[in-house]
Protein backbone atom coordinates (compact mmCIF):
# COMPACT_ATOMS: atom_id res chain seq x y z
CA UNK A 1 104.15 107.43 186.08
CA UNK A 2 101.59 106.70 183.33
CA UNK A 3 101.57 110.40 182.52
CA UNK A 4 105.38 110.32 182.08
CA UNK A 5 105.20 107.39 179.64
CA UNK A 6 102.41 109.12 177.74
CA UNK A 7 104.49 112.26 177.38
CA UNK A 8 107.53 110.19 176.44
CA UNK A 9 105.61 108.49 173.64
CA UNK A 10 104.34 111.83 172.42
CA UNK A 11 107.85 113.26 172.39
CA UNK A 12 109.15 110.23 170.44
CA UNK A 13 106.31 110.59 167.93
CA UNK A 14 107.01 114.29 167.41
CA UNK A 15 110.74 113.69 167.03
CA UNK A 16 110.04 110.91 164.50
CA UNK A 17 107.78 113.20 162.47
CA UNK A 18 110.41 115.95 162.50
CA UNK A 19 113.11 113.52 161.35
CA UNK A 20 110.81 112.15 158.61
CA UNK A 21 110.00 115.64 157.32
CA UNK A 22 113.69 116.53 157.38
CA UNK A 23 114.57 113.41 155.38
CA UNK A 24 111.82 114.14 152.85
CA UNK A 25 113.02 117.72 152.45
CA UNK A 26 116.61 116.52 152.11
CA UNK A 27 115.68 114.03 149.39
CA UNK A 28 113.55 116.51 147.45
CA UNK A 29 116.07 119.35 147.26
CA UNK A 30 118.18 119.81 144.15
CA UNK A 31 121.63 118.31 144.52
CA UNK A 32 124.52 117.88 142.15
CA UNK A 33 125.43 114.50 143.69
CA UNK A 34 123.47 111.70 145.32
CA UNK A 35 124.33 110.46 148.79
CA UNK A 36 126.09 107.08 149.03
CA UNK A 37 122.96 105.27 150.39
CA UNK A 38 120.93 106.59 147.45
CA UNK A 39 123.67 105.59 145.01
CA UNK A 40 123.81 102.12 146.56
CA UNK A 41 120.03 101.67 146.36
CA UNK A 42 119.88 102.94 142.75
CA UNK A 43 122.80 100.80 141.63
CA UNK A 44 121.40 97.71 143.33
CA UNK A 45 117.93 98.31 141.88
CA UNK A 46 119.35 98.91 138.42
CA UNK A 47 121.44 95.75 138.56
CA UNK A 48 118.43 93.66 139.65
CA UNK A 49 116.26 95.22 136.93
CA UNK A 50 118.90 94.50 134.32
CA UNK A 51 119.25 90.94 135.57
CA UNK A 52 115.50 90.36 135.28
CA UNK A 53 114.75 92.42 132.16
CA UNK A 54 117.34 90.89 129.82
CA UNK A 55 116.00 87.31 129.86
CA UNK A 56 112.44 88.63 129.97
CA UNK A 57 113.03 90.81 126.90
CA UNK A 58 114.75 87.92 125.17
CA UNK A 59 111.78 85.61 125.71
CA UNK A 60 109.28 88.32 124.79
CA UNK A 61 111.30 89.19 121.69
CA UNK A 62 111.39 85.54 120.65
CA UNK A 63 107.59 85.27 120.77
CA UNK A 64 107.22 88.65 119.04
CA UNK A 65 109.47 87.42 116.23
CA UNK A 66 107.33 84.31 115.88
CA UNK A 67 104.21 86.49 115.73
CA UNK A 68 105.88 88.74 113.13
CA UNK A 69 106.75 85.72 111.02
CA UNK A 70 103.15 84.53 111.19
CA UNK A 71 101.86 87.99 110.26
CA UNK A 72 104.40 88.22 107.42
CA UNK A 73 103.25 84.87 106.06
CA UNK A 74 99.58 85.95 106.14
CA UNK A 75 100.41 89.34 104.57
CA UNK A 76 102.45 87.61 101.87
CA UNK A 77 99.51 85.38 100.96
CA UNK A 78 97.17 88.37 100.82
CA UNK A 79 99.60 90.39 98.69
CA UNK A 80 100.02 87.48 96.27
CA UNK A 81 96.26 87.27 95.81
CA UNK A 82 96.11 91.02 95.27
CA UNK A 83 98.90 90.86 92.69
CA UNK A 84 96.99 88.17 90.81
CA UNK A 85 93.87 90.35 90.90
CA UNK A 86 95.95 93.36 89.85
CA UNK A 87 97.18 91.57 86.75
CA UNK A 88 93.59 90.74 85.85
CA UNK A 89 92.50 94.34 86.46
CA UNK A 90 95.37 95.69 84.34
CA UNK A 91 94.27 93.46 81.48
CA UNK A 92 90.70 94.72 81.83
CA UNK A 93 91.86 98.34 81.95
CA UNK A 94 93.96 97.91 78.81
CA UNK A 95 90.99 96.38 77.04
CA UNK A 96 88.69 99.20 78.16
CA UNK A 97 91.25 101.81 77.09
CA UNK A 98 91.51 100.27 73.63
CA UNK A 99 87.73 100.00 73.35
CA UNK A 100 87.33 103.59 74.51
CA UNK A 101 89.90 104.81 71.98
CA UNK A 102 88.15 102.98 69.15
CA UNK A 103 84.77 104.44 70.11
CA UNK A 104 86.22 107.94 70.33
CA UNK A 105 87.83 107.51 66.93
CA UNK A 106 84.49 106.40 65.47
CA UNK A 107 82.75 109.42 67.01
CA UNK A 108 85.70 111.69 66.13
CA UNK A 109 85.75 112.81 69.76
CA UNK A 110 89.23 113.84 70.85
CA UNK A 111 88.60 115.42 74.27
CA UNK A 112 86.99 114.17 77.47
CA UNK A 113 86.41 115.62 80.93
CA UNK A 114 89.25 113.46 82.24
CA UNK A 115 91.95 114.93 79.99
CA UNK A 116 94.58 117.10 81.64
CA UNK A 117 98.30 117.80 81.50
CA UNK A 118 100.10 117.30 84.83
CA UNK A 119 102.50 120.03 85.94
CA UNK A 120 104.65 119.22 89.01
CA UNK A 121 105.23 122.02 91.52
CA UNK A 122 106.80 122.52 94.95
CA UNK A 123 105.32 124.31 97.96
CA UNK A 124 107.52 127.33 98.75
CA UNK A 125 105.40 129.22 101.28
CA UNK A 126 102.68 128.90 103.88
CA UNK A 127 101.22 131.43 106.29
CA UNK A 128 101.11 130.05 109.87
CA UNK A 129 97.97 132.12 110.55
CA UNK A 130 96.22 130.61 107.53
CA UNK A 131 97.84 127.16 107.55
CA UNK A 132 94.63 125.36 106.56
CA UNK A 133 93.64 127.85 103.86
CA UNK A 134 96.48 128.76 101.48
CA UNK A 135 99.82 127.52 100.15
CA UNK A 136 102.23 129.10 97.65
CA UNK A 137 103.80 127.02 94.88
CA UNK A 138 106.73 127.72 92.54
CA UNK A 139 104.84 127.66 89.21
CA UNK A 140 103.04 130.62 87.62
CA UNK A 141 101.93 132.20 84.36
CA UNK A 142 105.22 131.44 82.62
CA UNK A 143 104.52 127.71 83.06
CA UNK A 144 100.92 128.04 81.84
CA UNK A 145 99.20 128.05 85.23
CA UNK A 146 95.77 129.71 85.28
CA UNK A 147 93.29 130.62 87.96
CA UNK A 148 90.95 127.80 89.17
CA UNK A 149 93.15 124.96 87.94
CA UNK A 150 92.90 121.91 90.23
CA UNK A 151 95.89 121.04 92.42
CA UNK A 152 96.45 117.47 93.65
CA UNK A 153 98.96 115.33 95.50
CA UNK A 154 99.61 111.62 95.03
CA UNK A 155 96.80 110.96 97.54
CA UNK A 156 94.11 113.22 96.11
CA UNK A 157 92.75 116.69 95.48
CA UNK A 158 93.91 119.48 97.82
CA UNK A 159 92.45 122.62 96.22
CA UNK A 160 92.54 125.04 93.33
CA UNK A 161 94.69 127.91 92.08
CA UNK A 162 93.40 131.15 93.60
CA UNK A 163 95.90 133.75 92.32
CA UNK A 164 98.68 133.59 89.72
CA UNK A 165 101.82 135.68 89.25
CA UNK A 166 104.60 135.28 86.70
CA UNK A 167 106.67 132.88 88.79
CA UNK A 168 104.36 131.55 91.52
CA UNK A 169 100.75 130.79 92.39
CA UNK A 170 98.56 130.78 95.50
CA UNK A 171 96.49 127.63 96.06
CA UNK A 172 93.28 127.70 98.09
CA UNK A 173 92.92 124.44 100.01
CA UNK A 174 89.70 122.46 100.33
CA UNK A 175 89.94 123.00 104.09
CA UNK A 176 89.41 126.75 103.59
CA UNK A 177 86.20 128.11 105.10
CA UNK A 178 85.50 130.33 102.06
CA UNK A 179 81.79 129.82 101.15
CA UNK A 180 82.67 130.28 97.46
CA UNK A 181 85.07 127.33 97.61
CA UNK A 182 82.71 124.75 96.06
CA UNK A 183 83.49 121.74 93.86
CA UNK A 184 81.13 119.49 91.92
CA UNK A 185 81.62 115.89 93.07
CA UNK A 186 80.38 112.34 92.50
CA UNK A 187 79.85 109.70 95.17
CA UNK A 188 80.66 106.44 93.41
CA UNK A 189 78.34 103.48 93.90
CA UNK A 190 75.87 101.38 91.94
CA UNK A 191 74.57 104.70 90.62
CA UNK A 192 76.38 108.03 90.52
CA UNK A 193 75.26 110.50 93.18
CA UNK A 194 76.14 114.15 92.60
CA UNK A 195 76.87 116.73 95.28
CA UNK A 196 78.96 119.79 96.10
CA UNK A 197 82.07 119.83 98.26
CA UNK A 198 81.23 122.87 100.34
CA UNK A 199 82.81 123.48 103.75
CA UNK A 200 85.17 121.75 106.15
CA UNK A 201 84.58 120.46 109.68
CA UNK A 202 87.66 121.63 111.59
CA UNK A 203 86.94 119.52 114.65
CA UNK A 204 86.44 116.23 112.79
CA UNK A 205 88.88 117.12 109.97
CA UNK A 206 86.28 116.09 107.38
CA UNK A 207 85.02 117.65 104.15
CA UNK A 208 81.29 118.27 103.75
CA UNK A 209 79.60 117.19 100.52
CA UNK A 210 76.21 118.91 100.41
CA UNK A 211 73.18 119.10 98.08
CA UNK A 212 72.83 115.30 97.91
CA UNK A 213 69.17 114.32 97.28
CA UNK A 214 67.47 112.84 100.35
CA UNK A 215 66.49 109.68 98.44
CA UNK A 216 70.05 108.90 97.33
CA UNK A 217 71.62 105.90 99.02
CA UNK A 218 75.06 106.77 100.37
CA UNK A 219 77.13 104.25 102.33
CA UNK A 220 80.25 104.46 104.43
CA UNK A 221 83.62 104.05 102.62
CA UNK A 222 82.21 104.98 99.20
CA UNK A 223 84.70 106.96 97.11
CA UNK A 224 84.13 110.62 96.27
CA UNK A 225 85.70 112.06 93.10
CA UNK A 226 85.41 115.23 91.03
CA UNK A 227 82.59 115.16 88.48
CA UNK A 228 84.23 117.32 85.82
CA UNK A 229 81.02 119.36 85.53
CA UNK A 230 81.53 123.10 85.54
CA UNK A 231 84.53 123.00 83.24
CA UNK A 232 87.08 123.77 85.98
CA UNK A 233 88.32 120.45 87.36
CA UNK A 234 88.95 117.25 85.37
CA UNK A 235 86.70 114.31 86.11
CA UNK A 236 87.91 111.51 88.35
CA UNK A 237 90.26 113.31 90.75
CA UNK A 238 90.24 111.58 94.13
CA UNK A 239 88.64 113.62 96.94
CA UNK A 240 88.14 111.09 99.74
CA UNK A 241 86.00 108.42 101.38
CA UNK A 242 82.56 108.80 102.97
CA UNK A 243 82.65 108.53 106.77
CA UNK A 244 79.12 109.57 107.75
CA UNK A 245 75.86 110.72 106.15
CA UNK A 246 73.27 112.96 107.79
CA UNK A 247 70.08 114.77 106.78
CA UNK A 248 69.98 118.54 106.63
CA UNK A 249 67.74 120.49 109.00
CA UNK A 250 64.82 120.51 106.54
CA UNK A 251 65.12 116.85 105.48
CA UNK A 252 65.31 117.75 101.78
CA UNK A 253 68.97 116.96 101.19
CA UNK A 254 71.78 114.93 102.71
CA UNK A 255 75.28 115.92 103.73
CA UNK A 256 78.12 113.41 103.50
CA UNK A 257 81.14 113.84 105.76
CA UNK A 258 84.19 112.78 103.77
CA UNK A 259 87.69 111.94 104.97
CA UNK A 260 90.09 113.63 102.52
CA UNK A 261 92.45 111.40 100.60
CA UNK A 262 95.18 114.04 100.82
CA UNK A 263 96.83 115.44 103.94
CA UNK A 264 96.17 119.20 104.06
CA UNK A 265 98.62 119.71 106.91
CA UNK A 266 101.83 118.30 105.43
CA UNK A 267 102.11 119.33 101.77
CA UNK A 268 105.46 119.53 100.00
CA UNK A 269 105.02 118.51 96.36
CA UNK A 270 101.89 118.93 94.25
CA UNK A 271 100.63 118.51 90.70
CA UNK A 272 98.68 121.18 88.82
CA UNK A 273 96.11 119.77 86.38
CA UNK A 274 96.34 121.91 83.26
CA UNK A 275 93.20 121.61 81.13
CA UNK A 276 91.83 123.39 78.09
CA UNK A 277 88.23 123.17 79.24
CA UNK A 278 86.13 126.35 79.28
CA UNK A 279 84.45 127.04 82.66
CA UNK A 280 80.65 127.15 82.65
CA UNK A 281 80.47 130.82 83.62
CA UNK A 282 82.95 131.73 80.87
CA UNK A 283 80.96 129.71 78.33
CA UNK A 284 77.77 131.51 79.37
CA UNK A 285 79.47 134.90 78.87
CA UNK A 286 80.70 133.81 75.43
CA UNK A 287 77.21 132.65 74.41
CA UNK A 288 75.76 135.95 75.59
CA UNK A 289 78.18 137.94 73.45
CA UNK A 290 77.39 135.82 70.40
CA UNK A 291 73.68 136.39 70.90
CA UNK A 292 74.21 140.16 71.17
CA UNK A 293 76.20 140.23 67.97
């Protein structure tokens, strides 16, 4: 008798497992319609969720609105203080501009490294295989574009003109891995620190400013701009902000990792900085010819 009950229990267990597996398989198969028990459970669950979620969302939304109002009030106060400071800064800038103009008139100096003529252009082409290296814009020789002219967006420098045709130009981006793609830069601080934008860290998405003297004090969030030296780029074009500084392998120089001000990935409209400056290498060639003559 005990053996019979043992076998009976085993049979019931096996049958239960078979039924459970069959139900699981039935529920997992693809069906165009749900069974009425499933529909009932889903409808009931949905109704209960809706009943609970609506008042919950209402209460949560009420407190979120209160928090937004508080944040808006704080932001409004901060913006008002910034506007007041902006008015003061604008007055200082106007005074400095007037003073600068008077000094230049006294010295009879008409040109500076910051002078350039902006030329708007639109990106018309980009190679998917070289997305981070080149873009094509719709301005060329007919509009006065020349090789090596700086190209910027509203957020900062993106590169320089590499090749020019009559109606278009190819721009080499700062994110290009070309070792010849170097730009003279200044890290702004209490004293100017000079370096060279040379290379791009693809993993960190940061520019590398090299050849910074080991004794120079560089801090995080300092602004990096073009120096204007070399006669190619105007002075003062925004490059980015310092994120990290590290020594080179010999300890003689430092390398600053800089977060670009501009977005190299999404570029639609740019500005070409047309200048009349003579590049250093061109000036050296001219001086050499004069000496020969």
